[in-house]
């Protein structure tokens, strides 16, 4: 089944962006050093959060499907990016993240080997991880 997801966002002040998603107001901003007012995570931080949250969500889905008693799952994402590229100061690297690492903690009655297999299944089913590992078409379309 195909599903379309739609999110609207609007610049409201300096670098502050507001989005209303399913009745939830989300604020995106930059830290003061980046010209913002630190009223919310940056777009880059939201990208990392999306990956962490997707890993956790897919882990919960798999645990429920396989009747694994998952007490908790945690994910911490570290990502490397060359800020000079998106700031227009260099072209040595690509503008996107150069790498991601997702550090997970799984509290369940599973052996270390079973946890590693569980994590492999999560990675194989996580839409955000898959999008980051493979090319997906992005089109910027001007609306008037």
Protein backbone atom coordinates (compact mmCIF):
# COMPACT_ATOMS: atom_id res chain seq x y z
CA UNK A 1 0.00 0.00 0.00
CA UNK A 2 1.40 3.37 -1.00
CA UNK A 3 1.00 6.26 1.42
CA UNK A 4 1.72 9.92 0.84
CA UNK A 5 3.12 11.99 3.69
CA UNK A 6 2.87 15.76 3.53
CA UNK A 7 4.50 18.34 5.77
CA UNK A 8 4.24 22.13 5.42
CA UNK A 9 6.81 24.52 6.85
CA UNK A 10 7.09 28.31 6.91
CA UNK A 11 9.91 30.69 7.75
CA UNK A 12 8.60 33.06 10.44
CA UNK A 13 11.68 34.89 11.77
CA UNK A 14 15.39 34.83 10.99
CA UNK A 15 15.99 31.05 10.83
CA UNK A 16 12.89 30.03 12.82
CA UNK A 17 10.63 27.72 10.84
CA UNK A 18 7.22 26.58 12.06
CA UNK A 19 5.42 23.47 10.88
CA UNK A 20 2.05 22.07 11.91
CA UNK A 21 2.06 18.31 11.50
CA UNK A 22 -1.14 16.43 12.35
CA UNK A 23 -2.00 19.10 14.95
CA UNK A 24 1.50 19.21 16.44
CA UNK A 25 3.44 22.42 16.14
CA UNK A 26 7.11 21.79 15.39
CA UNK A 27 9.72 24.54 15.55
CA UNK A 28 12.99 24.33 13.67
CA UNK A 29 15.70 26.87 14.44
CA UNK A 30 19.43 27.40 14.53
CA UNK A 31 21.58 28.03 17.58
CA UNK A 32 22.54 31.67 18.19
CA UNK A 33 25.98 31.06 16.67
CA UNK A 34 24.18 30.11 13.43
CA UNK A 35 21.95 33.20 13.41
CA UNK A 36 18.95 31.65 15.13
CA UNK A 37 17.28 31.95 18.51
CA UNK A 38 17.68 28.32 19.63
CA UNK A 39 13.90 27.75 19.76
CA UNK A 40 14.14 24.25 18.33
CA UNK A 41 16.47 21.69 16.78
CA UNK A 42 18.12 22.47 13.45
CA UNK A 43 17.12 20.68 10.22
CA UNK A 44 20.30 18.60 10.51
CA UNK A 45 19.40 17.57 14.06
CA UNK A 46 15.88 16.68 12.91
CA UNK A 47 17.41 14.45 10.21
CA UNK A 48 19.40 12.60 12.87
CA UNK A 49 16.33 12.42 15.12
CA UNK A 50 14.30 10.96 12.23
CA UNK A 51 16.84 8.17 11.85
CA UNK A 52 16.97 7.45 15.60
CA UNK A 53 13.19 7.54 15.97
CA UNK A 54 12.68 5.30 12.94
CA UNK A 55 15.11 2.70 14.30
CA UNK A 56 13.23 2.70 17.61
CA UNK A 57 9.79 2.58 15.94
CA UNK A 58 10.70 -0.28 13.60
CA UNK A 59 12.25 -2.10 16.55
CA UNK A 60 8.96 -1.80 18.43
CA UNK A 61 7.01 -3.02 15.38
CA UNK A 62 9.27 -6.06 14.95
CA UNK A 63 9.17 -6.85 18.67
CA UNK A 64 5.37 -6.80 18.66
CA UNK A 65 5.18 -8.90 15.50
CA UNK A 66 7.58 -11.49 16.92
CA UNK A 67 6.20 -11.26 20.46
CA UNK A 68 9.57 -10.20 21.85
CA UNK A 69 9.25 -8.51 25.22
CA UNK A 70 11.09 -5.30 24.41
CA UNK A 71 11.43 -3.38 27.64
CA UNK A 72 13.15 -0.47 25.94
CA UNK A 73 15.26 0.47 22.96
CA UNK A 74 17.45 3.54 22.68
CA UNK A 75 19.25 5.04 19.70
CA UNK A 76 21.91 7.75 19.59
CA UNK A 77 22.92 9.06 16.16
CA UNK A 78 26.18 10.74 15.33
CA UNK A 79 26.63 12.18 11.86
CA UNK A 80 29.49 13.95 10.09
CA UNK A 81 28.91 16.85 7.71
CA UNK A 82 31.19 19.38 6.00
CA UNK A 83 29.53 22.70 6.88
CA UNK A 84 31.77 24.61 4.46
CA UNK A 85 29.90 23.07 1.53
CA UNK A 86 26.38 24.17 2.46
CA UNK A 87 27.73 27.56 3.57
CA UNK A 88 29.19 28.07 0.08
CA UNK A 89 32.79 28.15 1.31
CA UNK A 90 34.04 24.91 -0.24
CA UNK A 91 33.31 22.08 -2.62
CA UNK A 92 35.61 19.36 -1.31
CA UNK A 93 32.77 17.15 -0.08
CA UNK A 94 29.08 16.77 -0.82
CA UNK A 95 26.64 19.04 1.03
CA UNK A 96 24.91 16.17 2.83
CA UNK A 97 26.03 14.02 5.71
CA UNK A 98 29.18 12.04 4.97
CA UNK A 99 28.37 9.30 7.49
CA UNK A 100 25.92 8.23 10.16
CA UNK A 101 26.42 5.94 13.12
CA UNK A 102 23.47 4.67 15.12
CA UNK A 103 24.40 3.41 18.57
CA UNK A 104 21.62 1.31 20.06
CA UNK A 105 20.78 -0.20 23.42
CA UNK A 106 18.23 -2.99 23.45
CA UNK A 107 16.72 -4.19 26.72
CA UNK A 108 15.04 -7.50 25.92
CA UNK A 109 15.46 -11.15 26.80
CA UNK A 110 17.75 -11.74 23.82
CA UNK A 111 21.34 -12.87 23.58
CA UNK A 112 23.92 -10.52 22.12
CA UNK A 113 23.77 -12.44 18.84
CA UNK A 114 19.96 -12.26 18.77
CA UNK A 115 20.16 -8.51 19.42
CA UNK A 116 22.54 -8.12 16.47
CA UNK A 117 20.12 -10.04 14.23
CA UNK A 118 17.24 -7.93 15.57
CA UNK A 119 19.23 -4.79 14.69
CA UNK A 120 19.93 -6.12 11.17
CA UNK A 121 16.20 -6.65 10.67
CA UNK A 122 15.49 -3.14 11.93
CA UNK A 123 17.98 -1.72 9.44
CA UNK A 124 16.46 -3.77 6.63
CA UNK A 125 12.97 -2.41 7.37
CA UNK A 126 13.65 1.19 8.48
CA UNK A 127 12.47 3.63 5.75
CA UNK A 128 14.71 6.46 6.94
CA UNK A 129 17.81 4.27 7.04
CA UNK A 130 16.98 2.89 3.60
CA UNK A 131 16.50 6.40 2.17
CA UNK A 132 19.82 7.52 3.58
CA UNK A 133 21.61 4.51 2.11
CA UNK A 134 20.03 4.69 -1.35
CA UNK A 135 19.12 7.33 -3.88
CA UNK A 136 15.60 8.73 -3.77
CA UNK A 137 14.38 11.33 -6.24
CA UNK A 138 13.92 14.81 -4.80
CA UNK A 139 12.27 17.51 -6.90
CA UNK A 140 12.17 21.18 -5.91
CA UNK A 141 9.07 22.66 -7.58
CA UNK A 142 8.25 26.36 -7.62
CA UNK A 143 4.62 27.13 -6.75
CA UNK A 144 3.33 30.60 -7.55
